[in-house]
């Protein structure tokens, strides 16, 4: 199923500008709070109307400003799962699932039972949402959406209000429930873990603007832009000056990187993820920074070290050490340098 979203919308000083097209059916939108992620979903669903552009789902034109077409939300065959699930509090589970269904009473009843079986809700039909656990509420909300067989499901930060344990469990549960769904799922989140786990293609956003679009794993491996590297969790990003096709000066780290690959002229920043450094004892090799620990945090499964950069630099360099590497450090002591493997250095615009 193909989906195309090319829209612009202005709200005061805020400008939404999105442009992507894909045939992938698991799409993520990643960005900080307030960047326009939810606004993008609402435009796709028809809850909000863009100022210009077009939205096409599986060949059906949902919105086209030039042709003055804008289908009503109920005509778009799109399911929208809100952050708080938006269940009707005074309606039972059965009534909530049936709320969006059309047709004869017996047909609706059959469909409700079918959804309750699929989403493991049998025995809960007469209960109200307030009597359910968070996981049960999520299943009811999904059952209500899936009952009318939407072509697209929009998930608007469905786990944002949950604690980490519950979030992880419900995320896996939703993944299992949607495994057989053949339509398109668009997940909005500011959690890179959720995005990496759920999606195959990724749109990154900042301040209403689309930064990048592509394969989720490819973007995490090679973000390409400073903003995308930040969103995908890179802790160490510094300005860089290209000297030539093989050398980059990084003043904040007090180092000149020497690379084998050709450095594009547009590169203005470099990044290294906090867990990608290799400890070095003794003499420094190429692409090494000295270990000058300013502070540290010892966590149950990770040690975090914050190192001083070059003299005058205000930014710490983060080095995160997973638990399986602790015995080496405990035996040999803190390294003299940290080396940045060339394949782990992110060249960024």
C-alpha atoms as a PDB file:
ATOM      1  CA  UNK A   1       0.000   0.000   0.000  1.00  0.00           C
ATOM      2  CA  UNK A   2       1.444   3.360  -1.058  1.00  0.00           C
ATOM      3  CA  UNK A   3       1.052   6.513   0.983  1.00  0.00           C
ATOM      4  CA  UNK A   4       1.992  10.024  -0.123  1.00  0.00           C
ATOM      5  CA  UNK A   5       1.962  13.046   2.192  1.00  0.00           C
ATOM      6  CA  UNK A   6       2.976  16.432   0.790  1.00  0.00           C
ATOM      7  CA  UNK A   7       1.521  19.128   3.020  1.00  0.00           C
ATOM      8  CA  UNK A   8       2.135  22.602   4.420  1.00  0.00           C
ATOM      9  CA  UNK A   9       0.270  24.252   7.266  1.00  0.00           C
ATOM     10  CA  UNK A  10       0.952  27.521   9.084  1.00  0.00           C
ATOM     11  CA  UNK A  11      -0.165  28.154  12.668  1.00  0.00           C
ATOM     12  CA  UNK A  12       1.013  31.547  13.931  1.00  0.00           C
ATOM     13  CA  UNK A  13       4.805  31.440  13.721  1.00  0.00           C
ATOM     14  CA  UNK A  14       4.790  27.643  13.334  1.00  0.00           C
ATOM     15  CA  UNK A  15       5.159  26.190   9.834  1.00  0.00           C
ATOM     16  CA  UNK A  16       4.546  22.497   9.108  1.00  0.00           C
ATOM     17  CA  UNK A  17       6.254  21.272   5.936  1.00  0.00           C
ATOM     18  CA  UNK A  18       6.179  17.522   5.206  1.00  0.00           C
ATOM     19  CA  UNK A  19       6.956  15.677   1.966  1.00  0.00           C
ATOM     20  CA  UNK A  20       7.328  11.904   1.725  1.00  0.00           C
ATOM     21  CA  UNK A  21       6.076   8.992  -0.357  1.00  0.00           C
ATOM     22  CA  UNK A  22       6.482   5.302   0.390  1.00  0.00           C
ATOM     23  CA  UNK A  23       5.111   1.805  -0.186  1.00  0.00           C
ATOM     24  CA  UNK A  24       6.384   0.610   3.198  1.00  0.00           C
ATOM     25  CA  UNK A  25       3.665  -0.254   5.721  1.00  0.00           C
ATOM     26  CA  UNK A  26       5.478   0.454   9.011  1.00  0.00           C
ATOM     27  CA  UNK A  27       6.461   4.110   9.215  1.00  0.00           C
ATOM     28  CA  UNK A  28       7.844   6.094  12.138  1.00  0.00           C
ATOM     29  CA  UNK A  29       7.857   9.830  12.807  1.00  0.00           C
ATOM     30  CA  UNK A  30      10.546  10.848  15.296  1.00  0.00           C
ATOM     31  CA  UNK A  31      11.005  14.295  16.796  1.00  0.00           C
ATOM     32  CA  UNK A  32      11.060  16.323  19.982  1.00  0.00           C
ATOM     33  CA  UNK A  33       7.840  17.443  21.673  1.00  0.00           C
ATOM     34  CA  UNK A  34       6.156  20.286  19.804  1.00  0.00           C
ATOM     35  CA  UNK A  35       7.871  19.636  16.464  1.00  0.00           C
ATOM     36  CA  UNK A  36       4.616  18.881  14.595  1.00  0.00           C
ATOM     37  CA  UNK A  37       4.417  15.071  14.766  1.00  0.00           C
ATOM     38  CA  UNK A  38       0.838  14.932  16.054  1.00  0.00           C
ATOM     39  CA  UNK A  39      -0.207  17.739  13.692  1.00  0.00           C
ATOM     40  CA  UNK A  40       1.038  15.608  10.786  1.00  0.00           C
ATOM     41  CA  UNK A  41      -1.105  12.663  11.937  1.00  0.00           C
ATOM     42  CA  UNK A  42      -4.158  14.895  12.385  1.00  0.00           C
ATOM     43  CA  UNK A  43      -3.761  16.200   8.837  1.00  0.00           C
ATOM     44  CA  UNK A  44      -3.589  12.630   7.496  1.00  0.00           C
ATOM     45  CA  UNK A  45      -6.678  11.672   9.532  1.00  0.00           C
ATOM     46  CA  UNK A  46      -8.628  14.759   8.439  1.00  0.00           C
ATOM     47  CA  UNK A  47      -8.914  16.197  11.949  1.00  0.00           C
ATOM     48  CA  UNK A  48      -6.829  19.171  10.775  1.00  0.00           C
ATOM     49  CA  UNK A  49      -6.773  20.616   7.260  1.00  0.00           C
ATOM     50  CA  UNK A  50      -3.460  21.623   5.660  1.00  0.00           C
ATOM     51  CA  UNK A  51      -3.130  24.961   3.875  1.00  0.00           C
ATOM     52  CA  UNK A  52      -1.807  23.278   0.753  1.00  0.00           C
ATOM     53  CA  UNK A  53      -0.588  19.983  -0.651  1.00  0.00           C
ATOM     54  CA  UNK A  54      -2.082  16.539  -1.067  1.00  0.00           C
ATOM     55  CA  UNK A  55      -2.506  13.243   0.770  1.00  0.00           C
ATOM     56  CA  UNK A  56      -2.978   9.951  -1.105  1.00  0.00           C
ATOM     57  CA  UNK A  57      -3.482   6.510   0.481  1.00  0.00           C
ATOM     58  CA  UNK A  58      -3.464   3.419  -1.734  1.00  0.00           C
ATOM     59  CA  UNK A  59      -4.483   5.450  -4.772  1.00  0.00           C
ATOM     60  CA  UNK A  60      -7.336   7.255  -2.991  1.00  0.00           C
ATOM     61  CA  UNK A  61      -7.041  11.025  -2.892  1.00  0.00           C
ATOM     62  CA  UNK A  62      -7.864  12.120   0.647  1.00  0.00           C
ATOM     63  CA  UNK A  63      -6.801  15.738   0.313  1.00  0.00           C
ATOM     64  CA  UNK A  64      -5.735  17.959  -2.577  1.00  0.00           C
ATOM     65  CA  UNK A  65      -5.690  21.730  -2.140  1.00  0.00           C
ATOM     66  CA  UNK A  66      -5.402  22.382  -5.887  1.00  0.00           C
ATOM     67  CA  UNK A  67      -8.478  20.253  -6.640  1.00  0.00           C
ATOM     68  CA  UNK A  68     -10.313  21.454  -3.497  1.00  0.00           C
ATOM     69  CA  UNK A  69     -10.735  17.882  -2.268  1.00  0.00           C
ATOM     70  CA  UNK A  70     -10.794  17.117   1.458  1.00  0.00           C
ATOM     71  CA  UNK A  71     -12.557  13.948   2.542  1.00  0.00           C
ATOM     72  CA  UNK A  72     -14.195  13.965   5.953  1.00  0.00           C
ATOM     73  CA  UNK A  73     -12.423  11.872   8.636  1.00  0.00           C
ATOM     74  CA  UNK A  74     -15.103   9.152   8.583  1.00  0.00           C
ATOM     75  CA  UNK A  75     -14.614   8.728   4.812  1.00  0.00           C
ATOM     76  CA  UNK A  76     -10.846   8.203   5.008  1.00  0.00           C
ATOM     77  CA  UNK A  77     -10.791   4.650   6.453  1.00  0.00           C
ATOM     78  CA  UNK A  78      -8.121   5.673   8.933  1.00  0.00           C
ATOM     79  CA  UNK A  79      -7.885   4.542  12.566  1.00  0.00           C
ATOM     80  CA  UNK A  80      -6.405   6.995  15.045  1.00  0.00           C
ATOM     81  CA  UNK A  81      -5.116   5.754  18.426  1.00  0.00           C
ATOM     82  CA  UNK A  82      -4.721   8.741  20.733  1.00  0.00           C
ATOM     83  CA  UNK A  83      -2.247   8.940  23.627  1.00  0.00           C
ATOM     84  CA  UNK A  84      -4.975   8.325  26.228  1.00  0.00           C
ATOM     85  CA  UNK A  85      -6.859   5.839  23.968  1.00  0.00           C
ATOM     86  CA  UNK A  86      -9.958   8.160  23.971  1.00  0.00           C
ATOM     87  CA  UNK A  87     -12.365   5.434  25.081  1.00  0.00           C
ATOM     88  CA  UNK A  88     -15.897   6.529  25.979  1.00  0.00           C
ATOM     89  CA  UNK A  89     -15.859   6.345  29.812  1.00  0.00           C
ATOM     90  CA  UNK A  90     -19.601   5.655  30.255  1.00  0.00           C
ATOM     91  CA  UNK A  91     -19.742   2.955  27.563  1.00  0.00           C
ATOM     92  CA  UNK A  92     -18.886  -0.706  28.136  1.00  0.00           C
ATOM     93  CA  UNK A  93     -16.116  -2.515  26.296  1.00  0.00           C
ATOM     94  CA  UNK A  94     -18.655  -3.954  23.847  1.00  0.00           C
ATOM     95  CA  UNK A  95     -20.216  -0.550  23.230  1.00  0.00           C
ATOM     96  CA  UNK A  96     -16.813   1.082  22.702  1.00  0.00           C
ATOM     97  CA  UNK A  97     -15.807  -1.507  20.101  1.00  0.00           C
ATOM     98  CA  UNK A  98     -19.159  -1.154  18.314  1.00  0.00           C
ATOM     99  CA  UNK A  99     -19.067   2.660  18.339  1.00  0.00           C
ATOM    100  CA  UNK A 100     -17.614   3.087  14.859  1.00  0.00           C
ATOM    101  CA  UNK A 101     -19.432   0.239  13.129  1.00  0.00           C
ATOM    102  CA  UNK A 102     -22.134   0.589  10.494  1.00  0.00           C
ATOM    103  CA  UNK A 103     -24.681  -1.988   9.373  1.00  0.00           C
ATOM    104  CA  UNK A 104     -27.325  -4.216  10.884  1.00  0.00           C
ATOM    105  CA  UNK A 105     -27.372  -4.985  14.606  1.00  0.00           C
ATOM    106  CA  UNK A 106     -26.525  -8.675  14.165  1.00  0.00           C
ATOM    107  CA  UNK A 107     -23.584  -7.899  11.867  1.00  0.00           C
ATOM    108  CA  UNK A 108     -22.224  -5.400  14.387  1.00  0.00           C
ATOM    109  CA  UNK A 109     -22.656  -7.913  17.194  1.00  0.00           C
ATOM    110  CA  UNK A 110     -20.766 -10.584  15.248  1.00  0.00           C
ATOM    111  CA  UNK A 111     -17.921  -8.175  14.519  1.00  0.00           C
ATOM    112  CA  UNK A 112     -17.663  -7.109  18.160  1.00  0.00           C
ATOM    113  CA  UNK A 113     -17.387 -10.729  19.316  1.00  0.00           C
ATOM    114  CA  UNK A 114     -14.777 -11.410  16.645  1.00  0.00           C
ATOM    115  CA  UNK A 115     -12.681  -8.433  17.831  1.00  0.00           C
ATOM    116  CA  UNK A 116     -13.045  -9.402  21.488  1.00  0.00           C
ATOM    117  CA  UNK A 117     -11.717 -12.864  20.694  1.00  0.00           C
ATOM    118  CA  UNK A 118      -8.823 -11.516  18.632  1.00  0.00           C
ATOM    119  CA  UNK A 119      -7.786  -8.989  21.262  1.00  0.00           C
ATOM    120  CA  UNK A 120      -8.243 -11.288  24.279  1.00  0.00           C
ATOM    121  CA  UNK A 121     -11.150  -9.335  25.763  1.00  0.00           C
ATOM    122  CA  UNK A 122     -13.688 -12.126  26.269  1.00  0.00           C
ATOM    123  CA  UNK A 123     -15.352 -11.803  29.659  1.00  0.00           C
ATOM    124  CA  UNK A 124     -14.748  -8.047  29.817  1.00  0.00           C
ATOM    125  CA  UNK A 125     -17.561  -6.952  27.509  1.00  0.00           C
ATOM    126  CA  UNK A 126     -19.768  -5.419  30.226  1.00  0.00           C
ATOM    127  CA  UNK A 127     -16.976  -3.548  32.015  1.00  0.00           C
ATOM    128  CA  UNK A 128     -16.290   0.175  31.738  1.00  0.00           C
ATOM    129  CA  UNK A 129     -12.868   1.555  30.682  1.00  0.00           C
ATOM    130  CA  UNK A 130     -12.165   2.783  34.224  1.00  0.00           C
ATOM    131  CA  UNK A 131     -12.380  -0.817  35.469  1.00  0.00           C
ATOM    132  CA  UNK A 132      -9.671  -2.021  33.055  1.00  0.00           C
ATOM    133  CA  UNK A 133      -5.883  -2.127  33.284  1.00  0.00           C
ATOM    134  CA  UNK A 134      -3.759  -0.029  30.943  1.00  0.00           C
ATOM    135  CA  UNK A 135      -3.072  -3.033  28.741  1.00  0.00           C
ATOM    136  CA  UNK A 136      -6.756  -3.911  28.538  1.00  0.00           C
ATOM    137  CA  UNK A 137      -7.653  -0.330  27.629  1.00  0.00           C
ATOM    138  CA  UNK A 138      -5.045  -0.427  24.854  1.00  0.00           C
ATOM    139  CA  UNK A 139      -6.547  -3.655  23.482  1.00  0.00           C
ATOM    140  CA  UNK A 140     -10.062  -2.187  23.543  1.00  0.00           C
ATOM    141  CA  UNK A 141      -8.867   0.916  21.692  1.00  0.00           C
ATOM    142  CA  UNK A 142      -7.133  -1.219  19.056  1.00  0.00           C
ATOM    143  CA  UNK A 143     -10.155  -3.528  18.780  1.00  0.00           C
ATOM    144  CA  UNK A 144     -12.417  -0.508  18.171  1.00  0.00           C
ATOM    145  CA  UNK A 145     -10.114   0.691  15.406  1.00  0.00           C
ATOM    146  CA  UNK A 146      -9.622  -2.715  13.773  1.00  0.00           C
ATOM    147  CA  UNK A 147     -13.360  -3.501  13.875  1.00  0.00           C
ATOM    148  CA  UNK A 148     -14.027  -1.294  10.860  1.00  0.00           C
ATOM    149  CA  UNK A 149     -10.925  -2.502   8.949  1.00  0.00           C
ATOM    150  CA  UNK A 150      -9.052   0.774   8.359  1.00  0.00           C
ATOM    151  CA  UNK A 151      -6.461   1.045   5.614  1.00  0.00           C
ATOM    152  CA  UNK A 152      -4.148   3.055   7.884  1.00  0.00           C
ATOM    153  CA  UNK A 153      -3.642   3.084  11.656  1.00  0.00           C
ATOM    154  CA  UNK A 154      -2.099   6.190  13.226  1.00  0.00           C
ATOM    155  CA  UNK A 155      -0.469   5.703  16.638  1.00  0.00           C
ATOM    156  CA  UNK A 156       0.083   8.996  18.469  1.00  0.00           C
ATOM    157  CA  UNK A 157       2.695   8.324  21.193  1.00  0.00           C
ATOM    158  CA  UNK A 158       0.600   5.474  22.647  1.00  0.00           C
ATOM    159  CA  UNK A 159       3.104   4.687  25.428  1.00  0.00           C
ATOM    160  CA  UNK A 160       4.213   8.181  26.459  1.00  0.00           C
ATOM    161  CA  UNK A 161       2.345   8.261  29.800  1.00  0.00           C
ATOM    162  CA  UNK A 162       3.476   4.803  30.985  1.00  0.00           C
ATOM    163  CA  UNK A 163       6.335   3.799  33.254  1.00  0.00           C
ATOM    164  CA  UNK A 164       9.263   1.968  31.643  1.00  0.00           C
ATOM    165  CA  UNK A 165       8.201  -1.551  32.683  1.00  0.00           C
ATOM    166  CA  UNK A 166       4.619  -1.175  31.513  1.00  0.00           C
ATOM    167  CA  UNK A 167       5.716   0.670  28.382  1.00  0.00           C
ATOM    168  CA  UNK A 168       7.986  -2.185  27.303  1.00  0.00           C
ATOM    169  CA  UNK A 169       5.318  -4.824  27.943  1.00  0.00           C
ATOM    170  CA  UNK A 170       2.531  -2.959  26.149  1.00  0.00           C
ATOM    171  CA  UNK A 171       4.812  -2.094  23.247  1.00  0.00           C
ATOM    172  CA  UNK A 172       5.540  -5.790  22.691  1.00  0.00           C
ATOM    173  CA  UNK A 173       1.850  -6.599  23.064  1.00  0.00           C
ATOM    174  CA  UNK A 174       0.895  -4.030  20.440  1.00  0.00           C
ATOM    175  CA  UNK A 175       3.604  -5.358  18.134  1.00  0.00           C
ATOM    176  CA  UNK A 176       2.079  -8.839  18.436  1.00  0.00           C
ATOM    177  CA  UNK A 177      -1.479  -7.567  17.914  1.00  0.00           C
ATOM    178  CA  UNK A 178      -0.523  -5.696  14.754  1.00  0.00           C
ATOM    179  CA  UNK A 179       1.631  -8.499  13.343  1.00  0.00           C
ATOM    180  CA  UNK A 180      -1.089  -9.757  10.991  1.00  0.00           C
ATOM    181  CA  UNK A 181      -2.387  -6.308  10.044  1.00  0.00           C
ATOM    182  CA  UNK A 182      -1.647  -5.711   6.353  1.00  0.00           C
ATOM    183  CA  UNK A 183      -2.460  -2.017   6.268  1.00  0.00           C
ATOM    184  CA  UNK A 184      -0.098   0.862   6.972  1.00  0.00           C
ATOM    185  CA  UNK A 185       0.853   1.809  10.530  1.00  0.00           C
ATOM    186  CA  UNK A 186       2.309   5.239  11.249  1.00  0.00           C
ATOM    187  CA  UNK A 187       3.838   5.585  14.719  1.00  0.00           C
ATOM    188  CA  UNK A 188       4.591   9.006  16.171  1.00  0.00           C
ATOM    189  CA  UNK A 189       7.050   9.074  19.056  1.00  0.00           C
ATOM    190  CA  UNK A 190       9.894  10.962  20.673  1.00  0.00           C
ATOM    191  CA  UNK A 191      11.323   7.609  21.842  1.00  0.00           C
ATOM    192  CA  UNK A 192      14.003   6.328  19.503  1.00  0.00           C
ATOM    193  CA  UNK A 193      13.704   2.836  21.043  1.00  0.00           C
ATOM    194  CA  UNK A 194      10.012   2.596  20.121  1.00  0.00           C
ATOM    195  CA  UNK A 195      10.717   3.862  16.621  1.00  0.00           C
ATOM    196  CA  UNK A 196      13.608   1.441  16.057  1.00  0.00           C
ATOM    197  CA  UNK A 197      11.536  -1.463  17.350  1.00  0.00           C
ATOM    198  CA  UNK A 198       8.325  -0.780  15.408  1.00  0.00           C
ATOM    199  CA  UNK A 199       9.203   0.775  12.069  1.00  0.00           C
ATOM    200  CA  UNK A 200      10.957   0.076   8.794  1.00  0.00           C
ATOM    201  CA  UNK A 201      11.021   3.610   7.414  1.00  0.00           C
ATOM    202  CA  UNK A 202      11.562   6.795   9.362  1.00  0.00           C
ATOM    203  CA  UNK A 203      10.702  10.477   9.040  1.00  0.00           C
ATOM    204  CA  UNK A 204      12.635  12.795  11.377  1.00  0.00           C
ATOM    205  CA  UNK A 205      11.296  16.251  12.199  1.00  0.00           C
ATOM    206  CA  UNK A 206      12.370  19.444  13.941  1.00  0.00           C
ATOM    207  CA  UNK A 207      10.368  22.664  14.340  1.00  0.00           C
ATOM    208  CA  UNK A 208       7.726  21.565  11.846  1.00  0.00           C
ATOM    209  CA  UNK A 209      10.248  20.737   9.140  1.00  0.00           C
ATOM    210  CA  UNK A 210      11.102  17.348   7.681  1.00  0.00           C
ATOM    211  CA  UNK A 211      14.812  16.665   8.215  1.00  0.00           C
ATOM    212  CA  UNK A 212      15.208  13.242   6.646  1.00  0.00           C
ATOM    213  CA  UNK A 213      13.288  10.228   5.366  1.00  0.00           C
ATOM    214  CA  UNK A 214      14.537   6.712   4.687  1.00  0.00           C
ATOM    215  CA  UNK A 215      15.052   3.230   6.097  1.00  0.00           C
ATOM    216  CA  UNK A 216      14.932   3.266   9.896  1.00  0.00           C
ATOM    217  CA  UNK A 217      18.075   1.222  10.434  1.00  0.00           C
ATOM    218  CA  UNK A 218      19.937   3.070   7.696  1.00  0.00           C
ATOM    219  CA  UNK A 219      19.139   6.445   9.270  1.00  0.00           C
ATOM    220  CA  UNK A 220      20.266   5.260  12.706  1.00  0.00           C
ATOM    221  CA  UNK A 221      23.508   3.932  11.193  1.00  0.00           C
ATOM    222  CA  UNK A 222      24.164   7.029   9.079  1.00  0.00           C
ATOM    223  CA  UNK A 223      21.993   9.999  10.163  1.00  0.00           C
ATOM    224  CA  UNK A 224      23.583  12.409   7.662  1.00  0.00           C
ATOM    225  CA  UNK A 225      22.490  15.556   9.507  1.00  0.00           C
ATOM    226  CA  UNK A 226      23.272  16.958  12.940  1.00  0.00           C
ATOM    227  CA  UNK A 227      19.594  17.177  13.975  1.00  0.00           C
ATOM    228  CA  UNK A 228      18.908  13.575  12.926  1.00  0.00           C
ATOM    229  CA  UNK A 229      21.980  12.325  14.802  1.00  0.00           C
ATOM    230  CA  UNK A 230      20.689  14.023  17.966  1.00  0.00           C
ATOM    231  CA  UNK A 231      17.207  12.517  17.539  1.00  0.00           C
ATOM    232  CA  UNK A 232      18.654   9.030  17.055  1.00  0.00           C
ATOM    233  CA  UNK A 233      20.580   9.303  20.326  1.00  0.00           C
ATOM    234  CA  UNK A 234      24.086  10.449  19.438  1.00  0.00           C
ATOM    235  CA  UNK A 235      25.530  12.168  22.539  1.00  0.00           C
ATOM    236  CA  UNK A 236      28.806  13.395  21.056  1.00  0.00           C
ATOM    237  CA  UNK A 237      28.457  15.916  18.238  1.00  0.00           C
ATOM    238  CA  UNK A 238      30.983  18.649  17.529  1.00  0.00           C
ATOM    239  CA  UNK A 239      31.686  21.202  14.839  1.00  0.00           C
ATOM    240  CA  UNK A 240      34.260  20.074  12.308  1.00  0.00           C
ATOM    241  CA  UNK A 241      36.364  21.894   9.717  1.00  0.00           C
ATOM    242  CA  UNK A 242      37.178  19.984   6.550  1.00  0.00           C
ATOM    243  CA  UNK A 243      40.864  20.389   5.786  1.00  0.00           C
ATOM    244  CA  UNK A 244      40.904  18.153   2.732  1.00  0.00           C
ATOM    245  CA  UNK A 245      39.335  14.938   1.464  1.00  0.00           C
ATOM    246  CA  UNK A 246      40.919  12.892   4.248  1.00  0.00           C
ATOM    247  CA  UNK A 247      41.211  15.208   7.259  1.00  0.00           C
ATOM    248  CA  UNK A 248      38.752  16.929   9.606  1.00  0.00           C
ATOM    249  CA  UNK A 249      39.730  19.291  12.384  1.00  0.00           C
ATOM    250  CA  UNK A 250      37.528  19.016  15.499  1.00  0.00           C
ATOM    251  CA  UNK A 251      38.527  21.909  17.820  1.00  0.00           C
ATOM    252  CA  UNK A 252      36.180  20.948  20.701  1.00  0.00           C
ATOM    253  CA  UNK A 253      37.861  17.559  20.967  1.00  0.00           C
ATOM    254  CA  UNK A 254      41.384  18.861  20.288  1.00  0.00           C
ATOM    255  CA  UNK A 255      41.891  16.424  17.442  1.00  0.00           C
ATOM    256  CA  UNK A 256      42.316  16.179  13.691  1.00  0.00           C
ATOM    257  CA  UNK A 257      40.604  13.101  12.344  1.00  0.00           C
ATOM    258  CA  UNK A 258      42.353  11.189   9.579  1.00  0.00           C
ATOM    259  CA  UNK A 259      39.998   9.068   7.482  1.00  0.00           C
ATOM    260  CA  UNK A 260      40.441   6.670   4.600  1.00  0.00           C
ATOM    261  CA  UNK A 261      37.102   7.533   3.014  1.00  0.00           C
ATOM    262  CA  UNK A 262      36.585  10.756   1.098  1.00  0.00           C
ATOM    263  CA  UNK A 263      35.053  13.490   3.257  1.00  0.00           C
ATOM    264  CA  UNK A 264      32.233  15.349   1.452  1.00  0.00           C
ATOM    265  CA  UNK A 265      32.580  19.126   1.305  1.00  0.00           C
ATOM    266  CA  UNK A 266      29.211  19.641   3.027  1.00  0.00           C
ATOM    267  CA  UNK A 267      30.380  18.003   6.267  1.00  0.00           C
ATOM    268  CA  UNK A 268      30.252  20.551   9.095  1.00  0.00           C
ATOM    269  CA  UNK A 269      29.927  18.283  12.153  1.00  0.00           C
ATOM    270  CA  UNK A 270      31.107  14.891  13.364  1.00  0.00           C
ATOM    271  CA  UNK A 271      29.414  12.536  15.778  1.00  0.00           C
ATOM    272  CA  UNK A 272      30.393   9.445  17.743  1.00  0.00           C
ATOM    273  CA  UNK A 273      27.884   7.453  19.764  1.00  0.00           C
ATOM    274  CA  UNK A 274      28.803   7.151  23.417  1.00  0.00           C
ATOM    275  CA  UNK A 275      29.205   3.353  23.385  1.00  0.00           C
ATOM    276  CA  UNK A 276      31.340   3.135  20.219  1.00  0.00           C
ATOM    277  CA  UNK A 277      34.723   4.241  21.651  1.00  0.00           C
ATOM    278  CA  UNK A 278      37.527   1.693  21.966  1.00  0.00           C
ATOM    279  CA  UNK A 279      39.772   2.074  25.069  1.00  0.00           C
ATOM    280  CA  UNK A 280      43.503   2.369  24.435  1.00  0.00           C
ATOM    281  CA  UNK A 281      46.267   1.919  27.016  1.00  0.00           C
ATOM    282  CA  UNK A 282      49.715   3.350  26.298  1.00  0.00           C
ATOM    283  CA  UNK A 283      50.491   5.442  23.244  1.00  0.00           C
ATOM    284  CA  UNK A 284      47.747   7.102  21.251  1.00  0.00           C
ATOM    285  CA  UNK A 285      47.034   5.900  17.753  1.00  0.00           C
ATOM    286  CA  UNK A 286      45.102   7.759  15.097  1.00  0.00           C
ATOM    287  CA  UNK A 287      41.741   9.333  15.915  1.00  0.00           C
ATOM    288  CA  UNK A 288      42.264   9.137  19.692  1.00  0.00           C
ATOM    289  CA  UNK A 289      41.209  11.532  22.425  1.00  0.00           C
ATOM    290  CA  UNK A 290      42.786  11.584  25.903  1.00  0.00           C
ATOM    291  CA  UNK A 291      40.757  10.269  28.825  1.00  0.00           C
ATOM    292  CA  UNK A 292      40.294  13.094  31.323  1.00  0.00           C
ATOM    293  CA  UNK A 293      37.320  12.106  33.474  1.00  0.00           C
ATOM    294  CA  UNK A 294      35.317  15.034  34.889  1.00  0.00           C
ATOM    295  CA  UNK A 295      32.511  12.977  36.406  1.00  0.00           C
ATOM    296  CA  UNK A 296      30.910   9.552  36.239  1.00  0.00           C
ATOM    297  CA  UNK A 297      27.694   7.704  36.999  1.00  0.00           C
ATOM    298  CA  UNK A 298      27.615   4.027  37.925  1.00  0.00           C
ATOM    299  CA  UNK A 299      24.294   2.465  36.913  1.00  0.00           C
ATOM    300  CA  UNK A 300      23.135  -1.162  37.282  1.00  0.00           C
ATOM    301  CA  UNK A 301      23.967  -2.132  33.694  1.00  0.00           C
ATOM    302  CA  UNK A 302      26.107   0.730  32.446  1.00  0.00           C
ATOM    303  CA  UNK A 303      28.878   3.068  33.531  1.00  0.00           C
ATOM    304  CA  UNK A 304      28.763   6.597  32.195  1.00  0.00           C
ATOM    305  CA  UNK A 305      31.921   8.692  32.029  1.00  0.00           C
ATOM    306  CA  UNK A 306      31.940  12.378  31.132  1.00  0.00           C
ATOM    307  CA  UNK A 307      35.302  13.492  29.771  1.00  0.00           C
ATOM    308  CA  UNK A 308      36.791  16.930  29.303  1.00  0.00           C
ATOM    309  CA  UNK A 309      37.235  18.041  25.720  1.00  0.00           C
ATOM    310  CA  UNK A 310      39.892  20.448  24.488  1.00  0.00           C
ATOM    311  CA  UNK A 311      40.841  23.382  26.709  1.00  0.00           C
ATOM    312  CA  UNK A 312      38.071  25.969  26.619  1.00  0.00           C
ATOM    313  CA  UNK A 313      35.430  23.496  25.427  1.00  0.00           C
ATOM    314  CA  UNK A 314      32.197  23.572  27.446  1.00  0.00           C
ATOM    315  CA  UNK A 315      30.843  20.279  26.086  1.00  0.00           C
ATOM    316  CA  UNK A 316      31.718  17.009  27.817  1.00  0.00           C
ATOM    317  CA  UNK A 317      32.500  13.911  25.791  1.00  0.00           C
ATOM    318  CA  UNK A 318      30.254  11.013  26.831  1.00  0.00           C
ATOM    319  CA  UNK A 319      31.646   7.487  27.067  1.00  0.00           C
ATOM    320  CA  UNK A 320      29.115   4.816  28.059  1.00  0.00           C
ATOM    321  CA  UNK A 321      30.476   1.417  29.029  1.00  0.00           C
ATOM    322  CA  UNK A 322      28.215  -1.642  28.953  1.00  0.00           C
ATOM    323  CA  UNK A 323      28.409  -4.122  31.812  1.00  0.00           C
ATOM    324  CA  UNK A 324      30.248  -6.814  29.850  1.00  0.00           C
ATOM    325  CA  UNK A 325      33.207  -4.404  29.413  1.00  0.00           C
ATOM    326  CA  UNK A 326      33.566  -3.654  33.139  1.00  0.00           C
ATOM    327  CA  UNK A 327      35.983  -6.541  33.938  1.00  0.00           C
ATOM    328  CA  UNK A 328      38.494  -5.226  31.391  1.00  0.00           C
ATOM    329  CA  UNK A 329      38.483  -1.731  32.928  1.00  0.00           C
ATOM    330  CA  UNK A 330      38.569  -3.128  36.459  1.00  0.00           C
ATOM    331  CA  UNK A 331      41.612  -5.237  35.571  1.00  0.00           C
ATOM    332  CA  UNK A 332      43.617  -2.693  33.554  1.00  0.00           C
ATOM    333  CA  UNK A 333      42.398   0.559  35.054  1.00  0.00           C
ATOM    334  CA  UNK A 334      41.121   3.576  33.140  1.00  0.00           C
ATOM    335  CA  UNK A 335      42.512   3.800  29.599  1.00  0.00           C
ATOM    336  CA  UNK A 336      44.841   6.587  28.515  1.00  0.00           C
ATOM    337  CA  UNK A 337      42.892   7.288  25.324  1.00  0.00           C
ATOM    338  CA  UNK A 338      39.639   6.495  23.534  1.00  0.00           C
ATOM    339  CA  UNK A 339      39.884   5.604  19.871  1.00  0.00           C
ATOM    340  CA  UNK A 340      37.104   6.349  17.377  1.00  0.00           C
ATOM    341  CA  UNK A 341      36.836   3.579  14.768  1.00  0.00           C
ATOM    342  CA  UNK A 342      36.436   5.158  11.353  1.00  0.00           C
ATOM    343  CA  UNK A 343      33.297   3.147  10.549  1.00  0.00           C
ATOM    344  CA  UNK A 344      31.662   4.568  13.701  1.00  0.00           C
ATOM    345  CA  UNK A 345      32.436   8.238  12.970  1.00  0.00           C
ATOM    346  CA  UNK A 346      29.305  10.027  11.749  1.00  0.00           C
ATOM    347  CA  UNK A 347      29.930  12.675   9.110  1.00  0.00           C
ATOM    348  CA  UNK A 348      27.136  15.234   9.399  1.00  0.00           C
ATOM    349  CA  UNK A 349      25.829  18.307   7.639  1.00  0.00           C
END
